[in-house]
PDB file of N, CA and C in Angstrom:
ATOM      1  N   UNK A   1      47.516  54.809  24.824  1.00  0.00           N
ATOM      2  CA  UNK A   1      47.717  54.186  23.426  1.00  0.00           C
ATOM      3  C   UNK A   1      46.940  52.626  23.234  1.00  0.00           C
ATOM      4  N   UNK A   2      46.608  52.828  22.399  1.00  0.00           N
ATOM      5  CA  UNK A   2      45.816  51.965  21.715  1.00  0.00           C
ATOM      6  C   UNK A   2      46.762  50.294  21.463  1.00  0.00           C
ATOM      7  N   UNK A   3      46.413  49.183  21.988  1.00  0.00           N
ATOM      8  CA  UNK A   3      47.469  48.153  21.616  1.00  0.00           C
ATOM      9  C   UNK A   3      46.364  47.775  21.011  1.00  0.00           C
ATOM     10  N   UNK A   4      47.062  47.057  19.950  1.00  0.00           N
ATOM     11  CA  UNK A   4      46.084  46.169  18.986  1.00  0.00           C
ATOM     12  C   UNK A   4      47.006  44.263  19.130  1.00  0.00           C
ATOM     13  N   UNK A   5      46.009  44.037  19.046  1.00  0.00           N
ATOM     14  CA  UNK A   5      46.762  42.468  19.525  1.00  0.00           C
ATOM     15  C   UNK A   5      47.778  41.956  18.426  1.00  0.00           C
ATOM     16  N   UNK A   6      48.683  41.237  18.288  1.00  0.00           N
ATOM     17  CA  UNK A   6      49.690  40.924  17.372  1.00  0.00           C
ATOM     18  C   UNK A   6      48.620  39.092  17.345  1.00  0.00           C
ATOM     19  N   UNK A   7      48.461  39.207  15.462  1.00  0.00           N
ATOM     20  CA  UNK A   7      47.647  37.440  15.925  1.00  0.00           C
ATOM     21  C   UNK A   7      48.542  36.687  14.723  1.00  0.00           C
ATOM     22  N   UNK A   8      48.512  35.606  15.425  1.00  0.00           N
ATOM     23  CA  UNK A   8      49.314  34.412  15.064  1.00  0.00           C
ATOM     24  C   UNK A   8      49.418  34.228  13.159  1.00  0.00           C
ATOM     25  N   UNK A   9      50.306  33.971  12.131  1.00  0.00           N
ATOM     26  CA  UNK A   9      50.741  34.303  11.168  1.00  0.00           C
ATOM     27  C   UNK A   9      49.945  33.033  11.011  1.00  0.00           C
ATOM     28  N   UNK A  10      49.267  32.946   9.130  1.00  0.00           N
ATOM     29  CA  UNK A  10      48.382  31.607   8.588  1.00  0.00           C
ATOM     30  C   UNK A  10      49.616  30.676   8.497  1.00  0.00           C
ATOM     31  N   UNK A  11      48.731  29.531   8.036  1.00  0.00           N
ATOM     32  CA  UNK A  11      49.469  28.653   7.437  1.00  0.00           C
ATOM     33  C   UNK A  11      49.811  29.021   6.215  1.00  0.00           C
ATOM     34  N   UNK A  12      49.536  29.747   5.436  1.00  0.00           N
ATOM     35  CA  UNK A  12      49.295  30.363   4.041  1.00  0.00           C
ATOM     36  C   UNK A  12      50.830  31.671   4.067  1.00  0.00           C
ATOM     37  N   UNK A  13      50.928  32.126   5.464  1.00  0.00           N
ATOM     38  CA  UNK A  13      51.685  33.046   5.367  1.00  0.00           C
ATOM     39  C   UNK A  13      53.325  32.098   5.627  1.00  0.00           C
ATOM     40  N   UNK A  14      53.367  31.848   6.128  1.00  0.00           N
ATOM     41  CA  UNK A  14      54.372  31.301   6.614  1.00  0.00           C
ATOM     42  C   UNK A  14      54.870  29.851   5.368  1.00  0.00           C
ATOM     43  N   UNK A  15      54.196  29.565   4.858  1.00  0.00           N
ATOM     44  CA  UNK A  15      54.519  28.950   3.407  1.00  0.00           C
ATOM     45  C   UNK A  15      54.740  30.244   1.798  1.00  0.00           C
ATOM     46  N   UNK A  16      55.252  31.082   2.401  1.00  0.00           N
ATOM     47  CA  UNK A  16      56.000  31.848   1.752  1.00  0.00           C
ATOM     48  C   UNK A  16      57.349  31.659   1.222  1.00  0.00           C
ATOM     49  N   UNK A  17      57.617  31.445  -0.324  1.00  0.00           N
ATOM     50  CA  UNK A  17      59.068  31.037  -0.368  1.00  0.00           C
ATOM     51  C   UNK A  17      59.881  31.914   0.717  1.00  0.00           C
ATOM     52  N   UNK A  18      60.693  30.746   0.998  1.00  0.00           N
ATOM     53  CA  UNK A  18      61.860  31.084   1.766  1.00  0.00           C
ATOM     54  C   UNK A  18      61.922  31.416   3.081  1.00  0.00           C
ATOM     55  N   UNK A  19      60.689  31.894   3.497  1.00  0.00           N
ATOM     56  CA  UNK A  19      60.518  32.188   4.738  1.00  0.00           C
ATOM     57  C   UNK A  19      61.457  30.942   6.053  1.00  0.00           C
ATOM     58  N   UNK A  20      62.019  32.096   7.425  1.00  0.00           N
ATOM     59  CA  UNK A  20      62.862  31.409   8.058  1.00  0.00           C
ATOM     60  C   UNK A  20      62.008  31.263   9.782  1.00  0.00           C
ATOM     61  N   UNK A  21      62.078  32.551   9.505  1.00  0.00           N
ATOM     62  CA  UNK A  21      60.816  33.170  11.173  1.00  0.00           C
ATOM     63  C   UNK A  21      60.307  33.741  11.187  1.00  0.00           C
ATOM     64  N   UNK A  22      59.640  34.346  12.110  1.00  0.00           N
ATOM     65  CA  UNK A  22      59.315  35.484  12.503  1.00  0.00           C
ATOM     66  C   UNK A  22      59.176  35.388  13.824  1.00  0.00           C
ATOM     67  N   UNK A  23      59.608  36.505  14.725  1.00  0.00           N
ATOM     68  CA  UNK A  23      59.528  36.822  15.858  1.00  0.00           C
ATOM     69  C   UNK A  23      59.080  38.297  16.135  1.00  0.00           C
ATOM     70  N   UNK A  24      58.210  38.446  17.368  1.00  0.00           N
ATOM     71  CA  UNK A  24      57.449  39.412  17.564  1.00  0.00           C
ATOM     72  C   UNK A  24      58.690  40.312  19.175  1.00  0.00           C
ATOM     73  N   UNK A  25      58.452  41.352  18.978  1.00  0.00           N
ATOM     74  CA  UNK A  25      59.319  42.061  20.290  1.00  0.00           C
ATOM     75  C   UNK A  25      58.177  42.969  21.005  1.00  0.00           C
ATOM     76  N   UNK A  26      57.917  43.013  21.693  1.00  0.00           N
ATOM     77  CA  UNK A  26      57.300  44.503  22.857  1.00  0.00           C
ATOM     78  C   UNK A  26      57.734  45.469  22.787  1.00  0.00           C
ATOM     79  N   UNK A  27      57.270  46.557  22.614  1.00  0.00           N
ATOM     80  CA  UNK A  27      57.768  47.452  22.325  1.00  0.00           C
ATOM     81  C   UNK A  27      58.742  48.436  23.742  1.00  0.00           C
ATOM     82  N   UNK A  28      57.480  47.729  25.248  1.00  0.00           N
ATOM     83  CA  UNK A  28      57.971  47.911  26.340  1.00  0.00           C
ATOM     84  C   UNK A  28      59.075  47.300  26.749  1.00  0.00           C
ATOM     85  N   UNK A  29      59.453  45.818  26.009  1.00  0.00           N
ATOM     86  CA  UNK A  29      60.423  44.791  26.567  1.00  0.00           C
ATOM     87  C   UNK A  29      61.592  45.544  26.800  1.00  0.00           C
ATOM     88  N   UNK A  30      61.769  45.443  28.211  1.00  0.00           N
ATOM     89  CA  UNK A  30      63.702  45.589  28.020  1.00  0.00           C
ATOM     90  C   UNK A  30      64.597  45.146  27.102  1.00  0.00           C
ATOM     91  N   UNK A  31      65.482  46.095  26.483  1.00  0.00           N
ATOM     92  CA  UNK A  31      66.439  45.837  25.189  1.00  0.00           C
ATOM     93  C   UNK A  31      65.405  45.653  24.065  1.00  0.00           C
ATOM     94  N   UNK A  32      64.489  46.065  23.640  1.00  0.00           N
ATOM     95  CA  UNK A  32      63.838  45.779  22.914  1.00  0.00           C
ATOM     96  C   UNK A  32      64.615  46.433  21.560  1.00  0.00           C
ATOM     97  N   UNK A  33      65.217  47.623  21.455  1.00  0.00           N
ATOM     98  CA  UNK A  33      66.266  48.505  20.999  1.00  0.00           C
ATOM     99  C   UNK A  33      67.710  47.037  20.429  1.00  0.00           C
ATOM    100  N   UNK A  34      67.757  46.983  21.331  1.00  0.00           N
ATOM    101  CA  UNK A  34      68.833  45.935  21.828  1.00  0.00           C
ATOM    102  C   UNK A  34      68.558  44.632  20.746  1.00  0.00           C
ATOM    103  N   UNK A  35      67.003  43.999  20.865  1.00  0.00           N
ATOM    104  CA  UNK A  35      67.208  43.025  20.511  1.00  0.00           C
ATOM    105  C   UNK A  35      67.004  43.382  18.259  1.00  0.00           C
ATOM    106  N   UNK A  36      66.283  44.742  18.590  1.00  0.00           N
ATOM    107  CA  UNK A  36      66.468  45.352  17.108  1.00  0.00           C
ATOM    108  C   UNK A  36      68.043  44.982  16.406  1.00  0.00           C
ATOM    109  N   UNK A  37      68.921  45.503  17.428  1.00  0.00           N
ATOM    110  CA  UNK A  37      70.230  45.488  16.632  1.00  0.00           C
ATOM    111  C   UNK A  37      70.536  44.244  16.415  1.00  0.00           C
ATOM    112  N   UNK A  38      70.869  43.174  17.145  1.00  0.00           N
ATOM    113  CA  UNK A  38      70.928  42.018  17.170  1.00  0.00           C
ATOM    114  C   UNK A  38      70.351  41.570  16.161  1.00  0.00           C
ATOM    115  N   UNK A  39      69.450  41.316  15.703  1.00  0.00           N
ATOM    116  CA  UNK A  39      68.447  40.469  14.589  1.00  0.00           C
ATOM    117  C   UNK A  39      69.273  41.478  13.522  1.00  0.00           C
ATOM    118  N   UNK A  40      69.989  42.697  13.691  1.00  0.00           N
ATOM    119  CA  UNK A  40      69.793  42.789  12.260  1.00  0.00           C
ATOM    120  C   UNK A  40      71.658  42.983  12.069  1.00  0.00           C
ATOM    121  N   UNK A  41      72.410  42.588  12.521  1.00  0.00           N
ATOM    122  CA  UNK A  41      73.797  42.208  12.688  1.00  0.00           C
ATOM    123  C   UNK A  41      73.333  40.840  12.222  1.00  0.00           C
ATOM    124  N   UNK A  42      72.603  39.629  13.015  1.00  0.00           N
ATOM    125  CA  UNK A  42      72.573  38.291  12.120  1.00  0.00           C
ATOM    126  C   UNK A  42      72.165  38.764  11.203  1.00  0.00           C
ATOM    127  N   UNK A  43      71.652  39.164  10.554  1.00  0.00           N
ATOM    128  CA  UNK A  43      71.222  39.607   9.190  1.00  0.00           C
ATOM    129  C   UNK A  43      72.345  39.787   8.325  1.00  0.00           C
ATOM    130  N   UNK A  44      72.727  40.780   8.856  1.00  0.00           N
ATOM    131  CA  UNK A  44      74.364  41.232   7.992  1.00  0.00           C
ATOM    132  C   UNK A  44      75.266  40.511   7.910  1.00  0.00           C
ATOM    133  N   UNK A  45      74.722  39.476   9.226  1.00  0.00           N
ATOM    134  CA  UNK A  45      76.672  37.927   9.274  1.00  0.00           C
ATOM    135  C   UNK A  45      75.865  37.813   8.087  1.00  0.00           C
ATOM    136  N   UNK A  46      74.376  36.887   8.083  1.00  0.00           N
ATOM    137  CA  UNK A  46      74.114  36.006   6.698  1.00  0.00           C
ATOM    138  C   UNK A  46      74.836  36.661   5.753  1.00  0.00           C
ATOM    139  N   UNK A  47      74.112  37.244   4.879  1.00  0.00           N
ATOM    140  CA  UNK A  47      75.126  37.912   3.842  1.00  0.00           C
ATOM    141  C   UNK A  47      76.076  37.814   3.712  1.00  0.00           C
ATOM    142  N   UNK A  48      76.748  38.217   5.111  1.00  0.00           N
ATOM    143  CA  UNK A  48      78.179  37.941   4.431  1.00  0.00           C
ATOM    144  C   UNK A  48      79.260  36.765   4.658  1.00  0.00           C
ATOM    145  N   UNK A  49      78.809  36.274   5.497  1.00  0.00           N
ATOM    146  CA  UNK A  49      79.257  34.367   5.161  1.00  0.00           C
ATOM    147  C   UNK A  49      78.749  33.315   4.719  1.00  0.00           C
ATOM    148  N   UNK A  50      77.229  33.711   3.849  1.00  0.00           N
ATOM    149  CA  UNK A  50      76.346  32.896   3.227  1.00  0.00           C
ATOM    150  C   UNK A  50      76.322  33.368   1.631  1.00  0.00           C
ATOM    151  N   UNK A  51      76.120  34.613   1.420  1.00  0.00           N
ATOM    152  CA  UNK A  51      75.568  35.286   0.572  1.00  0.00           C
ATOM    153  C   UNK A  51      74.521  36.623   0.677  1.00  0.00           C
ATOM    154  N   UNK A  52      74.236  37.019  -0.649  1.00  0.00           N
ATOM    155  CA  UNK A  52      72.753  37.729  -0.578  1.00  0.00           C
ATOM    156  C   UNK A  52      71.761  37.527  -0.599  1.00  0.00           C
ATOM    157  N   UNK A  53      71.632  36.410  -0.425  1.00  0.00           N
ATOM    158  CA  UNK A  53      70.278  35.805  -0.391  1.00  0.00           C
ATOM    159  C   UNK A  53      69.282  35.498   0.982  1.00  0.00           C
ATOM    160  N   UNK A  54      69.490  36.306   1.528  1.00  0.00           N
ATOM    161  CA  UNK A  54      68.737  36.509   2.752  1.00  0.00           C
ATOM    162  C   UNK A  54      68.043  38.107   2.842  1.00  0.00           C
ATOM    163  N   UNK A  55      66.550  38.273   3.623  1.00  0.00           N
ATOM    164  CA  UNK A  55      66.569  39.470   3.156  1.00  0.00           C
ATOM    165  C   UNK A  55      65.478  39.509   4.353  1.00  0.00           C
ATOM    166  N   UNK A  56      65.849  40.905   5.308  1.00  0.00           N
ATOM    167  CA  UNK A  56      64.913  40.961   6.613  1.00  0.00           C
ATOM    168  C   UNK A  56      63.605  41.760   6.370  1.00  0.00           C
ATOM    169  N   UNK A  57      62.400  41.327   7.127  1.00  0.00           N
ATOM    170  CA  UNK A  57      61.595  42.532   6.959  1.00  0.00           C
ATOM    171  C   UNK A  57      61.418  42.809   8.707  1.00  0.00           C
ATOM    172  N   UNK A  58      60.582  43.972   8.614  1.00  0.00           N
ATOM    173  CA  UNK A  58      60.192  44.436  10.039  1.00  0.00           C
ATOM    174  C   UNK A  58      59.419  45.532  10.046  1.00  0.00           C
ATOM    175  N   UNK A  59      58.166  44.909  10.963  1.00  0.00           N
ATOM    176  CA  UNK A  59      56.880  46.127  10.553  1.00  0.00           C
ATOM    177  C   UNK A  59      56.519  46.503  12.009  1.00  0.00           C
ATOM    178  N   UNK A  60      56.380  47.424  12.340  1.00  0.00           N
ATOM    179  CA  UNK A  60      55.700  48.256  13.951  1.00  0.00           C
ATOM    180  C   UNK A  60      54.402  48.124  13.705  1.00  0.00           C
ATOM    181  N   UNK A  61      53.905  47.809  15.281  1.00  0.00           N
ATOM    182  CA  UNK A  61      52.489  48.059  15.753  1.00  0.00           C
ATOM    183  C   UNK A  61      52.104  48.756  16.323  1.00  0.00           C
ATOM    184  N   UNK A  62      50.931  49.215  17.637  1.00  0.00           N
ATOM    185  CA  UNK A  62      51.383  49.958  18.717  1.00  0.00           C
ATOM    186  C   UNK A  62      52.523  49.194  19.868  1.00  0.00           C
ATOM    187  N   UNK A  63      52.307  47.879  19.821  1.00  0.00           N
ATOM    188  CA  UNK A  63      53.002  47.646  20.785  1.00  0.00           C
ATOM    189  C   UNK A  63      53.978  47.070  20.402  1.00  0.00           C
ATOM    190  N   UNK A  64      54.721  46.985  19.724  1.00  0.00           N
ATOM    191  CA  UNK A  64      55.784  46.201  19.455  1.00  0.00           C
ATOM    192  C   UNK A  64      56.541  46.093  17.599  1.00  0.00           C
ATOM    193  N   UNK A  65      57.221  45.060  17.757  1.00  0.00           N
ATOM    194  CA  UNK A  65      57.918  44.508  16.223  1.00  0.00           C
ATOM    195  C   UNK A  65      57.896  43.092  15.821  1.00  0.00           C
ATOM    196  N   UNK A  66      57.927  43.378  14.542  1.00  0.00           N
ATOM    197  CA  UNK A  66      57.517  41.976  14.165  1.00  0.00           C
ATOM    198  C   UNK A  66      58.870  41.832  13.278  1.00  0.00           C
ATOM    199  N   UNK A  67      59.149  40.989  13.190  1.00  0.00           N
ATOM    200  CA  UNK A  67      60.658  40.578  12.135  1.00  0.00           C
ATOM    201  C   UNK A  67      60.741  39.236  11.569  1.00  0.00           C
ATOM    202  N   UNK A  68      61.240  39.660  10.145  1.00  0.00           N
ATOM    203  CA  UNK A  68      60.558  38.378   9.917  1.00  0.00           C
ATOM    204  C   UNK A  68      62.411  37.922   8.687  1.00  0.00           C
ATOM    205  N   UNK A  69      62.699  36.896   8.659  1.00  0.00           N
ATOM    206  CA  UNK A  69      64.051  36.563   8.022  1.00  0.00           C
ATOM    207  C   UNK A  69      63.009  35.541   6.468  1.00  0.00           C
ATOM    208  N   UNK A  70      64.146  35.657   5.707  1.00  0.00           N
ATOM    209  CA  UNK A  70      63.942  34.774   4.570  1.00  0.00           C
ATOM    210  C   UNK A  70      65.225  34.779   3.716  1.00  0.00           C
ATOM    211  N   UNK A  71      64.960  33.442   3.041  1.00  0.00           N
ATOM    212  CA  UNK A  71      66.262  33.160   2.061  1.00  0.00           C
ATOM    213  C   UNK A  71      65.798  32.535   1.143  1.00  0.00           C
ATOM    214  N   UNK A  72      66.072  33.211  -0.177  1.00  0.00           N
ATOM    215  CA  UNK A  72      65.956  33.277  -1.600  1.00  0.00           C
ATOM    216  C   UNK A  72      66.436  31.709  -1.890  1.00  0.00           C
ATOM    217  N   UNK A  73      65.714  31.284  -3.019  1.00  0.00           N
ATOM    218  CA  UNK A  73      65.973  29.896  -3.610  1.00  0.00           C
ATOM    219  C   UNK A  73      67.359  29.561  -3.838  1.00  0.00           C
ATOM    220  N   UNK A  74      68.423  30.490  -4.108  1.00  0.00           N
ATOM    221  CA  UNK A  74      69.658  30.999  -4.119  1.00  0.00           C
ATOM    222  C   UNK A  74      70.320  30.744  -3.605  1.00  0.00           C
ATOM    223  N   UNK A  75      70.227  31.075  -2.350  1.00  0.00           N
ATOM    224  CA  UNK A  75      70.718  31.046  -0.930  1.00  0.00           C
ATOM    225  C   UNK A  75      71.656  29.311  -0.526  1.00  0.00           C
ATOM    226  N   UNK A  76      72.342  29.605   0.057  1.00  0.00           N
ATOM    227  CA  UNK A  76      72.629  27.849  -0.008  1.00  0.00           C
ATOM    228  C   UNK A  76      72.439  28.343   1.440  1.00  0.00           C
ATOM    229  N   UNK A  77      71.564  26.669   1.155  1.00  0.00           N
ATOM    230  CA  UNK A  77      71.064  25.859   2.990  1.00  0.00           C
ATOM    231  C   UNK A  77      72.053  25.413   3.138  1.00  0.00           C
ATOM    232  N   UNK A  78      73.240  25.811   3.806  1.00  0.00           N
ATOM    233  CA  UNK A  78      74.867  24.886   4.375  1.00  0.00           C
ATOM    234  C   UNK A  78      74.466  24.724   5.622  1.00  0.00           C
ATOM    235  N   UNK A  79      73.884  24.646   6.483  1.00  0.00           N
ATOM    236  CA  UNK A  79      73.206  24.234   7.830  1.00  0.00           C
ATOM    237  C   UNK A  79      71.700  24.507   7.827  1.00  0.00           C
ATOM    238  N   UNK A  80      70.743  24.508   9.201  1.00  0.00           N
ATOM    239  CA  UNK A  80      70.054  24.710   9.203  1.00  0.00           C
ATOM    240  C   UNK A  80      70.050  25.973  10.535  1.00  0.00           C
ATOM    241  N   UNK A  81      69.085  26.872  10.504  1.00  0.00           N
ATOM    242  CA  UNK A  81      68.784  28.110  11.294  1.00  0.00           C
ATOM    243  C   UNK A  81      69.325  28.039  12.121  1.00  0.00           C
ATOM    244  N   UNK A  82      69.297  27.161  13.614  1.00  0.00           N
ATOM    245  CA  UNK A  82      69.755  27.189  14.414  1.00  0.00           C
ATOM    246  C   UNK A  82      70.943  26.866  14.408  1.00  0.00           C
ATOM    247  N   UNK A  83      72.023  26.193  13.712  1.00  0.00           N
ATOM    248  CA  UNK A  83      73.422  25.876  13.443  1.00  0.00           C
ATOM    249  C   UNK A  83      73.951  27.688  12.863  1.00  0.00           C
ATOM    250  N   UNK A  84      72.881  28.207  12.643  1.00  0.00           N
ATOM    251  CA  UNK A  84      73.716  29.839  11.705  1.00  0.00           C
ATOM    252  C   UNK A  84      74.124  30.347  12.728  1.00  0.00           C
ATOM    253  N   UNK A  85      72.835  30.531  13.825  1.00  0.00           N
ATOM    254  CA  UNK A  85      72.570  30.898  14.853  1.00  0.00           C
ATOM    255  C   UNK A  85      73.449  30.906  16.394  1.00  0.00           C
ATOM    256  N   UNK A  86      73.572  29.386  15.902  1.00  0.00           N
ATOM    257  CA  UNK A  86      74.624  29.209  16.847  1.00  0.00           C
ATOM    258  C   UNK A  86      76.353  29.679  16.429  1.00  0.00           C
ATOM    259  N   UNK A  87      76.067  29.336  15.451  1.00  0.00           N
ATOM    260  CA  UNK A  87      77.935  30.117  14.478  1.00  0.00           C
ATOM    261  C   UNK A  87      78.007  31.351  14.659  1.00  0.00           C
ATOM    262  N   UNK A  88      76.896  32.775  14.758  1.00  0.00           N
ATOM    263  CA  UNK A  88      76.828  33.920  14.805  1.00  0.00           C
ATOM    264  C   UNK A  88      77.095  34.146  16.071  1.00  0.00           C
ATOM    265  N   UNK A  89      76.617  33.452  17.454  1.00  0.00           N
ATOM    266  CA  UNK A  89      76.944  33.455  18.469  1.00  0.00           C
ATOM    267  C   UNK A  89      78.461  33.331  18.927  1.00  0.00           C
ATOM    268  N   UNK A  90      79.048  32.538  18.394  1.00  0.00           N
ATOM    269  CA  UNK A  90      80.296  32.264  18.541  1.00  0.00           C
ATOM    270  C   UNK A  90      80.901  33.520  17.912  1.00  0.00           C
ATOM    271  N   UNK A  91      80.886  34.020  16.756  1.00  0.00           N
ATOM    272  CA  UNK A  91      81.702  35.078  16.290  1.00  0.00           C
ATOM    273  C   UNK A  91      81.224  36.076  17.012  1.00  0.00           C
ATOM    274  N   UNK A  92      80.132  36.548  17.405  1.00  0.00           N
ATOM    275  CA  UNK A  92      79.975  37.480  18.333  1.00  0.00           C
ATOM    276  C   UNK A  92      80.958  37.357  19.510  1.00  0.00           C
ATOM    277  N   UNK A  93      81.194  36.447  20.433  1.00  0.00           N
ATOM    278  CA  UNK A  93      82.144  36.088  21.701  1.00  0.00           C
ATOM    279  C   UNK A  93      83.312  36.301  21.174  1.00  0.00           C
ATOM    280  N   UNK A  94      83.874  36.209  19.811  1.00  0.00           N
ATOM    281  CA  UNK A  94      85.493  35.830  19.178  1.00  0.00           C
ATOM    282  C   UNK A  94      85.936  37.481  18.816  1.00  0.00           C
ATOM    283  N   UNK A  95      84.463  38.572  18.034  1.00  0.00           N
ATOM    284  CA  UNK A  95      84.704  40.184  18.226  1.00  0.00           C
ATOM    285  C   UNK A  95      84.947  40.532  20.284  1.00  0.00           C
ATOM    286  N   UNK A  96      84.887  39.586  20.924  1.00  0.00           N
ATOM    287  CA  UNK A  96      85.104  40.682  21.960  1.00  0.00           C
ATOM    288  C   UNK A  96      86.347  40.457  22.562  1.00  0.00           C
ATOM    289  N   UNK A  97      86.613  38.609  22.416  1.00  0.00           N
ATOM    290  CA  UNK A  97      87.880  37.972  23.321  1.00  0.00           C
ATOM    291  C   UNK A  97      88.523  37.810  21.801  1.00  0.00           C
ATOM    292  N   UNK A  98      88.892  37.707  20.601  1.00  0.00           N
ATOM    293  CA  UNK A  98      89.560  37.459  19.814  1.00  0.00           C
ATOM    294  C   UNK A  98      89.433  37.910  18.589  1.00  0.00           C
ATOM    295  N   UNK A  99      89.840  38.917  18.174  1.00  0.00           N
ATOM    296  CA  UNK A  99      89.017  40.220  16.420  1.00  0.00           C
ATOM    297  C   UNK A  99      90.043  39.473  15.726  1.00  0.00           C
ATOM    298  N   UNK A 100      91.150  38.885  16.184  1.00  0.00           N
ATOM    299  CA  UNK A 100      91.749  38.135  15.009  1.00  0.00           C
ATOM    300  C   UNK A 100      90.470  36.811  14.360  1.00  0.00           C
ATOM    301  N   UNK A 101      90.653  36.177  15.446  1.00  0.00           N
ATOM    302  CA  UNK A 101      89.878  34.724  14.923  1.00  0.00           C
ATOM    303  C   UNK A 101      88.552  34.873  14.526  1.00  0.00           C
ATOM    304  N   UNK A 102      88.217  36.145  14.894  1.00  0.00           N
ATOM    305  CA  UNK A 102      86.775  36.278  14.400  1.00  0.00           C
ATOM    306  C   UNK A 102      86.815  37.039  12.807  1.00  0.00           C
ATOM    307  N   UNK A 103      87.581  37.311  12.336  1.00  0.00           N
ATOM    308  CA  UNK A 103      88.339  37.907  11.095  1.00  0.00           C
ATOM    309  C   UNK A 103      88.499  36.886  10.003  1.00  0.00           C
ATOM    310  N   UNK A 104      89.174  35.859  10.969  1.00  0.00           N
ATOM    311  CA  UNK A 104      90.212  34.198  10.239  1.00  0.00           C
ATOM    312  C   UNK A 104      88.162  33.723   9.523  1.00  0.00           C
ATOM    313  N   UNK A 105      87.551  33.979  11.445  1.00  0.00           N
ATOM    314  CA  UNK A 105      86.044  33.138  10.499  1.00  0.00           C
ATOM    315  C   UNK A 105      85.473  34.036   9.692  1.00  0.00           C
ATOM    316  N   UNK A 106      85.499  35.650   9.288  1.00  0.00           N
ATOM    317  CA  UNK A 106      84.883  35.729   7.953  1.00  0.00           C
ATOM    318  C   UNK A 106      85.389  35.684   7.002  1.00  0.00           C
ATOM    319  N   UNK A 107      86.994  35.375   6.179  1.00  0.00           N
ATOM    320  CA  UNK A 107      87.664  34.991   6.037  1.00  0.00           C
ATOM    321  C   UNK A 107      87.004  33.508   4.997  1.00  0.00           C
ATOM    322  N   UNK A 108      86.903  32.536   6.392  1.00  0.00           N
ATOM    323  CA  UNK A 108      86.783  31.065   6.169  1.00  0.00           C
ATOM    324  C   UNK A 108      85.096  30.470   6.298  1.00  0.00           C
ATOM    325  N   UNK A 109      84.485  31.128   5.704  1.00  0.00           N
ATOM    326  CA  UNK A 109      82.931  31.389   6.124  1.00  0.00           C
ATOM    327  C   UNK A 109      82.304  30.139   5.869  1.00  0.00           C
ATOM    328  N   UNK A 110      83.114  29.059   4.794  1.00  0.00           N
ATOM    329  CA  UNK A 110      82.176  27.942   5.039  1.00  0.00           C
ATOM    330  C   UNK A 110      82.646  26.856   5.461  1.00  0.00           C
ATOM    331  N   UNK A 111      83.405  26.806   6.388  1.00  0.00           N
ATOM    332  CA  UNK A 111      84.471  25.670   7.027  1.00  0.00           C
ATOM    333  C   UNK A 111      83.259  25.627   8.307  1.00  0.00           C
ATOM    334  N   UNK A 112      83.565  24.109   8.203  1.00  0.00           N
ATOM    335  CA  UNK A 112      81.925  23.980   9.558  1.00  0.00           C
ATOM    336  C   UNK A 112      82.733  24.230  10.860  1.00  0.00           C
ATOM    337  N   UNK A 113      81.625  24.462  12.074  1.00  0.00           N
ATOM    338  CA  UNK A 113      81.853  24.917  12.442  1.00  0.00           C
ATOM    339  C   UNK A 113      82.060  23.951  13.779  1.00  0.00           C
ATOM    340  N   UNK A 114      82.926  22.852  13.845  1.00  0.00           N
ATOM    341  CA  UNK A 114      82.943  21.280  14.466  1.00  0.00           C
ATOM    342  C   UNK A 114      85.061  21.608  13.753  1.00  0.00           C
ATOM    343  N   UNK A 115      84.945  21.951  12.709  1.00  0.00           N
ATOM    344  CA  UNK A 115      86.222  22.053  12.214  1.00  0.00           C
ATOM    345  C   UNK A 115      87.303  23.362  13.052  1.00  0.00           C
ATOM    346  N   UNK A 116      86.484  24.336  12.908  1.00  0.00           N
ATOM    347  CA  UNK A 116      86.910  25.848  13.061  1.00  0.00           C
ATOM    348  C   UNK A 116      87.253  25.198  14.847  1.00  0.00           C
ATOM    349  N   UNK A 117      86.685  24.692  15.443  1.00  0.00           N
ATOM    350  CA  UNK A 117      86.999  24.584  17.300  1.00  0.00           C
ATOM    351  C   UNK A 117      88.157  23.433  17.306  1.00  0.00           C
ATOM    352  N   UNK A 118      88.155  22.864  16.351  1.00  0.00           N
ATOM    353  CA  UNK A 118      89.454  21.545  16.654  1.00  0.00           C
ATOM    354  C   UNK A 118      90.485  22.084  16.038  1.00  0.00           C
ATOM    355  N   UNK A 119      90.636  23.384  15.616  1.00  0.00           N
ATOM    356  CA  UNK A 119      91.986  24.193  15.031  1.00  0.00           C
ATOM    357  C   UNK A 119      91.924  25.176  16.324  1.00  0.00           C
ATOM    358  N   UNK A 120      91.365  25.108  17.132  1.00  0.00           N
ATOM    359  CA  UNK A 120      91.485  26.160  18.104  1.00  0.00           C
ATOM    360  C   UNK A 120      92.325  25.799  19.237  1.00  0.00           C
TER     361      UNK A 120
END
């Protein structure tokens, strides 16, 4: 198998409008398929809770997959990306442990994280 190096993105590429992050997942990595599903779920969750202003792109190399996430100018930046992922993580835990609370979270997506914790 011919391994092609994955190059580091240039500053120009990272300055693309709405660029949020880029991650590389080697195909031989244990749980590579699960990483693909997790990133897709995160994108779906963002578009469900924050609106359709998010776009995920991915492309494969000979040795893995590169994922990129972008936000359109119309996407409401209600919180930084880390907080968004933390909230998504909380949501996944609720799906497993308390599905009705997970449903409530989707019904009221604009509720700040600390207020949701105060209610429970």
